[in-house]
C-alpha atoms as a PDB file:
ATOM      1  CA  MET A   1      75.400 -92.665  92.746  1.00  0.00           C
ATOM      2  CA  LEU A   2      77.285 -89.828  91.105  1.00  0.00           C
ATOM      3  CA  ARG A   3      76.344 -86.361  92.340  1.00  0.00           C
ATOM      4  CA  CYS A   4      77.262 -82.955  91.057  1.00  0.00           C
ATOM      5  CA  GLY A   5      78.494 -80.157  93.308  1.00  0.00           C
ATOM      6  CA  ALA A   6      74.958 -78.991  94.246  1.00  0.00           C
ATOM      7  CA  GLY A   7      73.955 -82.408  95.511  1.00  0.00           C
ATOM      8  CA  VAL A   8      71.752 -83.130  92.477  1.00  0.00           C
ATOM      9  CA  PRO A   9      72.213 -86.614  91.068  1.00  0.00           C
ATOM     10  CA  ALA A  10      74.196 -86.362  87.801  1.00  0.00           C
ATOM     11  CA  GLY A  11      71.578 -88.328  85.823  1.00  0.00           C
ATOM     12  CA  ILE A  12      68.862 -85.863  86.687  1.00  0.00           C
ATOM     13  CA  LEU A  13      71.114 -82.939  85.839  1.00  0.00           C
ATOM     14  CA  ILE A  14      72.038 -84.473  82.478  1.00  0.00           C
ATOM     15  CA  ARG A  15      68.383 -85.156  81.638  1.00  0.00           C
ATOM     16  CA  ALA A  16      67.493 -81.585  82.606  1.00  0.00           C
ATOM     17  CA  LEU A  17      70.286 -80.199  80.431  1.00  0.00           C
ATOM     18  CA  VAL A  18      69.270 -82.391  77.506  1.00  0.00           C
ATOM     19  CA  ALA A  19      65.641 -81.315  77.879  1.00  0.00           C
ATOM     20  CA  ALA A  20      66.723 -77.690  78.090  1.00  0.00           C
ATOM     21  CA  ALA A  21      68.932 -78.108  75.030  1.00  0.00           C
ATOM     22  CA  ILE A  22      65.970 -79.532  73.125  1.00  0.00           C
ATOM     23  CA  LEU A  23      63.271 -77.194  74.416  1.00  0.00           C
ATOM     24  CA  LEU A  24      65.212 -73.949  74.675  1.00  0.00           C
ATOM     25  CA  PRO A  25      66.091 -73.661  70.954  1.00  0.00           C
ATOM     26  CA  ALA A  26      62.523 -74.581  69.989  1.00  0.00           C
ATOM     27  CA  THR A  27      61.142 -71.983  72.403  1.00  0.00           C
ATOM     28  CA  PHE A  28      63.677 -69.400  71.257  1.00  0.00           C
ATOM     29  CA  ALA A  29      62.895 -70.136  67.597  1.00  0.00           C
ATOM     30  CA  THR A  30      59.175 -69.842  68.298  1.00  0.00           C
ATOM     31  CA  VAL A  31      59.662 -66.467  69.966  1.00  0.00           C
ATOM     32  CA  VAL A  32      61.844 -65.224  67.115  1.00  0.00           C
ATOM     33  CA  ARG A  33      59.409 -66.517  64.484  1.00  0.00           C
ATOM     34  CA  ALA A  34      56.536 -64.876  66.297  1.00  0.00           C
ATOM     35  CA  GLU A  35      58.321 -61.499  66.285  1.00  0.00           C
ATOM     36  CA  GLU A  36      59.765 -61.548  62.758  1.00  0.00           C
ATOM     37  CA  PRO A  37      56.515 -61.397  60.800  1.00  0.00           C
ATOM     38  CA  ALA A  38      55.419 -58.263  62.641  1.00  0.00           C
ATOM     39  CA  GLU A  39      58.703 -56.543  61.817  1.00  0.00           C
ATOM     40  CA  SER A  40      58.896 -57.848  58.272  1.00  0.00           C
ATOM     41  CA  THR A  41      55.193 -57.110  57.753  1.00  0.00           C
ATOM     42  CA  ALA A  42      55.738 -53.522  58.882  1.00  0.00           C
ATOM     43  CA  ALA A  43      58.748 -53.234  56.576  1.00  0.00           C
ATOM     44  CA  THR A  44      56.791 -54.804  53.728  1.00  0.00           C
ATOM     45  CA  LYS A  45      53.871 -52.431  54.298  1.00  0.00           C
ATOM     46  CA  ALA A  46      56.207 -49.437  54.357  1.00  0.00           C
ATOM     47  CA  GLN A  47      57.866 -50.581  51.142  1.00  0.00           C
ATOM     48  CA  ALA A  48      54.484 -51.181  49.486  1.00  0.00           C
ATOM     49  CA  LEU A  49      53.274 -47.724  50.542  1.00  0.00           C
ATOM     50  CA  ALA A  50      56.461 -46.100  49.207  1.00  0.00           C
ATOM     51  CA  ALA A  51      56.142 -48.050  45.950  1.00  0.00           C
ATOM     52  CA  ARG A  52      52.476 -47.044  45.559  1.00  0.00           C
ATOM     53  CA  SER A  53      53.350 -43.392  46.096  1.00  0.00           C
ATOM     54  CA  ARG A  54      56.059 -43.637  43.389  1.00  0.00           C
ATOM     55  CA  VAL A  55      53.589 -45.276  40.978  1.00  0.00           C
ATOM     56  CA  THR A  56      51.022 -42.553  41.726  1.00  0.00           C
ATOM     57  CA  ALA A  57      53.623 -39.834  41.146  1.00  0.00           C
ATOM     58  CA  ALA A  58      54.775 -41.466  37.890  1.00  0.00           C
ATOM     59  CA  THR A  59      51.137 -41.725  36.757  1.00  0.00           C
ATOM     60  CA  ARG A  60      50.590 -38.014  37.472  1.00  0.00           C
ATOM     61  CA  ASP A  61      53.735 -37.234  35.487  1.00  0.00           C
ATOM     62  CA  ALA A  62      52.470 -39.369  32.582  1.00  0.00           C
ATOM     63  CA  VAL A  63      49.131 -37.493  32.622  1.00  0.00           C
ATOM     64  CA  ALA A  64      51.004 -34.165  32.530  1.00  0.00           C
ATOM     65  CA  ASN A  65      53.146 -35.448  29.658  1.00  0.00           C
ATOM     66  CA  LEU A  66      50.037 -36.616  27.773  1.00  0.00           C
ATOM     67  CA  LEU A  67      48.482 -33.200  28.264  1.00  0.00           C
ATOM     68  CA  GLU A  68      51.654 -31.594  26.885  1.00  0.00           C
ATOM     69  CA  GLU A  69      51.790 -33.949  23.876  1.00  0.00           C
ATOM     70  CA  ILE A  70      48.112 -33.540  23.019  1.00  0.00           C
ATOM     71  CA  GLY A  71      48.385 -29.783  23.568  1.00  0.00           C
ATOM     72  CA  ARG A  72      50.947 -29.508  20.755  1.00  0.00           C
ATOM     73  CA  THR A  73      48.601 -31.205  18.274  1.00  0.00           C
ATOM     74  CA  PRO A  74      47.224 -28.869  15.582  1.00  0.00           C
ATOM     75  CA  LEU A  75      43.471 -28.647  15.096  1.00  0.00           C
ATOM     76  CA  SER A  76      42.941 -26.041  12.386  1.00  0.00           C
ATOM     77  CA  GLY A  77      45.368 -23.596  10.826  1.00  0.00           C
ATOM     78  CA  ASN A  78      47.588 -22.285  13.604  1.00  0.00           C
ATOM     79  CA  ILE A  79      45.240 -23.406  16.374  1.00  0.00           C
ATOM     80  CA  THR A  80      46.473 -26.224  18.625  1.00  0.00           C
ATOM     81  CA  VAL A  81      44.709 -28.151  21.341  1.00  0.00           C
ATOM     82  CA  ARG A  82      46.690 -26.051  23.845  1.00  0.00           C
ATOM     83  CA  ASP A  83      45.206 -22.879  22.322  1.00  0.00           C
ATOM     84  CA  LEU A  84      41.705 -24.321  22.647  1.00  0.00           C
ATOM     85  CA  LEU A  85      42.300 -25.320  26.268  1.00  0.00           C
ATOM     86  CA  ALA A  86      43.868 -21.968  27.177  1.00  0.00           C
ATOM     87  CA  ARG A  87      41.080 -19.858  25.663  1.00  0.00           C
ATOM     88  CA  THR A  88      38.367 -21.961  27.292  1.00  0.00           C
ATOM     89  CA  SER A  89      40.241 -22.454  30.603  1.00  0.00           C
ATOM     90  CA  SER A  90      39.730 -26.194  30.178  1.00  0.00           C
ATOM     91  CA  PHE A  91      43.105 -27.755  30.989  1.00  0.00           C
ATOM     92  CA  ASP A  92      41.593 -29.420  34.070  1.00  0.00           C
ATOM     93  CA  ASP A  93      38.685 -30.824  32.047  1.00  0.00           C
ATOM     94  CA  LEU A  94      41.022 -32.570  29.619  1.00  0.00           C
ATOM     95  CA  ALA A  95      43.314 -33.668  32.488  1.00  0.00           C
ATOM     96  CA  LYS A  96      40.331 -35.462  34.079  1.00  0.00           C
ATOM     97  CA  THR A  97      39.804 -37.362  30.838  1.00  0.00           C
ATOM     98  CA  LEU A  98      43.514 -38.221  30.698  1.00  0.00           C
ATOM     99  CA  GLN A  99      43.393 -39.650  34.211  1.00  0.00           C
ATOM    100  CA  GLY A 100      41.279 -42.411  32.687  1.00  0.00           C
ATOM    101  CA  ALA A 101      43.988 -43.300  30.161  1.00  0.00           C
ATOM    102  CA  GLU A 102      44.982 -46.940  29.936  1.00  0.00           C
ATOM    103  CA  GLN A 103      48.192 -47.983  31.629  1.00  0.00           C
ATOM    104  CA  ILE A 104      50.351 -49.993  29.235  1.00  0.00           C
ATOM    105  CA  GLY A 105      51.896 -52.868  31.164  1.00  0.00           C
ATOM    106  CA  GLY A 106      52.742 -52.532  34.804  1.00  0.00           C
ATOM    107  CA  PRO A 107      54.961 -49.983  36.489  1.00  0.00           C
ATOM    108  CA  ARG A 108      58.593 -50.443  35.458  1.00  0.00           C
ATOM    109  CA  TRP A 109      61.295 -50.101  38.089  1.00  0.00           C
ATOM    110  CA  VAL A 110      64.458 -48.821  36.443  1.00  0.00           C
ATOM    111  CA  ASP A 111      66.274 -49.198  39.765  1.00  0.00           C
ATOM    112  CA  ASP A 112      65.240 -49.271  43.426  1.00  0.00           C
ATOM    113  CA  ARG A 113      64.345 -45.547  43.312  1.00  0.00           C
ATOM    114  CA  THR A 114      62.967 -44.909  39.815  1.00  0.00           C
ATOM    115  CA  CYS A 115      59.499 -45.892  38.596  1.00  0.00           C
ATOM    116  CA  GLN A 116      58.101 -45.431  35.089  1.00  0.00           C
ATOM    117  CA  VAL A 117      54.461 -45.639  34.027  1.00  0.00           C
ATOM    118  CA  GLU A 118      53.238 -45.527  30.418  1.00  0.00           C
ATOM    119  CA  LEU A 119      49.733 -44.296  29.639  1.00  0.00           C
ATOM    120  CA  GLN A 120      47.859 -44.426  26.355  1.00  0.00           C
ATOM    121  CA  ILE A 121      44.546 -42.941  25.260  1.00  0.00           C
ATOM    122  CA  SER A 122      42.741 -43.097  21.947  1.00  0.00           C
ATOM    123  CA  GLY A 123      42.158 -40.102  19.694  1.00  0.00           C
ATOM    124  CA  PRO A 124      38.373 -40.641  19.732  1.00  0.00           C
ATOM    125  CA  ARG A 125      38.287 -40.414  23.566  1.00  0.00           C
ATOM    126  CA  ILE A 126      40.202 -37.140  23.406  1.00  0.00           C
ATOM    127  CA  GLY A 127      37.836 -35.994  20.644  1.00  0.00           C
ATOM    128  CA  ILE A 128      34.815 -36.569  22.884  1.00  0.00           C
ATOM    129  CA  ALA A 129      36.387 -34.420  25.605  1.00  0.00           C
ATOM    130  CA  LEU A 130      37.329 -31.663  23.138  1.00  0.00           C
ATOM    131  CA  ARG A 131      33.807 -31.619  21.662  1.00  0.00           C
ATOM    132  CA  ARG A 132      32.388 -31.280  25.171  1.00  0.00           C
ATOM    133  CA  ILE A 133      34.766 -28.371  25.872  1.00  0.00           C
ATOM    134  CA  VAL A 134      33.875 -26.519  22.661  1.00  0.00           C
ATOM    135  CA  ALA A 135      30.125 -27.122  23.171  1.00  0.00           C
ATOM    136  CA  ALA A 136      30.330 -25.776  26.738  1.00  0.00           C
ATOM    137  CA  ASN A 137      32.380 -22.701  25.691  1.00  0.00           C
ATOM    138  CA  PRO A 138      31.244 -21.673  22.176  1.00  0.00           C
ATOM    139  CA  GLY A 139      32.032 -17.977  22.675  1.00  0.00           C
ATOM    140  CA  ALA A 140      35.524 -18.541  24.103  1.00  0.00           C
ATOM    141  CA  SER A 141      36.596 -21.334  21.759  1.00  0.00           C
ATOM    142  CA  PRO A 142      38.987 -20.336  18.966  1.00  0.00           C
ATOM    143  CA  ILE A 143      37.462 -23.057  16.776  1.00  0.00           C
ATOM    144  CA  SER A 144      33.858 -23.902  15.943  1.00  0.00           C
ATOM    145  CA  LEU A 145      32.361 -27.302  16.676  1.00  0.00           C
ATOM    146  CA  ALA A 146      32.111 -27.953  12.903  1.00  0.00           C
ATOM    147  CA  GLU A 147      35.834 -27.180  12.408  1.00  0.00           C
ATOM    148  CA  LEU A 148      36.725 -29.347  15.391  1.00  0.00           C
ATOM    149  CA  ASN A 149      34.675 -32.264  14.043  1.00  0.00           C
ATOM    150  CA  LEU A 150      36.479 -31.949  10.710  1.00  0.00           C
ATOM    151  CA  ALA A 151      39.904 -31.970  12.450  1.00  0.00           C
ATOM    152  CA  LEU A 152      38.959 -34.946  14.618  1.00  0.00           C
ATOM    153  CA  THR A 153      38.063 -37.147  11.631  1.00  0.00           C
ATOM    154  CA  GLN A 154      41.820 -37.722  11.285  1.00  0.00           C
ATOM    155  CA  TRP A 155      42.014 -38.909  14.907  1.00  0.00           C
ATOM    156  CA  LYS A 156      39.817 -42.011  14.615  1.00  0.00           C
ATOM    157  CA  ASP A 157      42.835 -44.349  14.328  1.00  0.00           C
ATOM    158  CA  ARG A 158      45.203 -42.223  16.372  1.00  0.00           C
ATOM    159  CA  SER A 159      46.315 -42.716  19.940  1.00  0.00           C
ATOM    160  CA  PHE A 160      48.460 -40.683  22.276  1.00  0.00           C
ATOM    161  CA  SER A 161      50.924 -42.130  24.771  1.00  0.00           C
ATOM    162  CA  ALA A 162      53.364 -40.767  27.304  1.00  0.00           C
ATOM    163  CA  ILE A 163      55.700 -42.074  29.956  1.00  0.00           C
ATOM    164  CA  GLY A 164      55.823 -40.630  33.449  1.00  0.00           C
ATOM    165  CA  VAL A 165      58.747 -40.990  35.820  1.00  0.00           C
ATOM    166  CA  ALA A 166      59.050 -40.685  39.582  1.00  0.00           C
ATOM    167  CA  VAL A 167      62.302 -40.864  41.515  1.00  0.00           C
ATOM    168  CA  ALA A 168      62.493 -41.389  45.273  1.00  0.00           C
ATOM    169  CA  HIS A 169      64.953 -39.351  47.304  1.00  0.00           C
ATOM    170  CA  GLY A 170      66.284 -42.492  48.964  1.00  0.00           C
ATOM    171  CA  PRO A 171      66.089 -46.180  48.141  1.00  0.00           C
ATOM    172  CA  LEU A 172      62.624 -47.711  48.331  1.00  0.00           C
ATOM    173  CA  MET A 173      63.845 -51.143  49.198  1.00  0.00           C
ATOM    174  CA  THR A 174      65.624 -51.299  52.498  1.00  0.00           C
ATOM    175  CA  THR A 175      67.038 -54.210  54.365  1.00  0.00           C
ATOM    176  CA  VAL A 176      65.733 -54.727  57.876  1.00  0.00           C
ATOM    177  CA  THR A 177      68.023 -56.555  60.229  1.00  0.00           C
ATOM    178  CA  THR A 178      66.938 -57.844  63.582  1.00  0.00           C
ATOM    179  CA  THR A 179      69.283 -58.768  66.382  1.00  0.00           C
ATOM    180  CA  THR A 180      68.245 -60.723  69.409  1.00  0.00           C
ATOM    181  CA  THR A 181      70.283 -60.843  72.562  1.00  0.00           C
ATOM    182  CA  THR A 182      69.863 -63.467  75.219  1.00  0.00           C
END
């Protein structure tokens, strides 16, 4: 019988090495697979959170841009929506309405740092908000409810849209590498 230097029969040693060669990689792979999802899940969650914050920021920018666009719209004579909102201190009231604007498509990623969101809202929905503002502030409003209603008749088929953009300071998508030493 052939024996190795430690006095263990060679056949037993070979079977032990073969078993170790079969079991060790499977065990090692199981350990690595068990650890990877936790790391990749954490990375995925961090990326999703960063992406959501960019979409939220782009949506806020789109609302601000809608407010700016609608504010430039004339109502009567030299009076614009911005004038109405300024005199009645109602910018926040209209902004709340604009937060309910419809998102057109999904967020668009121009690159790994830049997100765009497009919002659209109908003229009649804006008209409802403006009527509410004038009715709540008749003394401060630079336009009467009757004049506003006349101006808004032209808005029944109109819609307003704006694009908002958010840019991250660093890349959103990062590569996570894991090294295992044995």
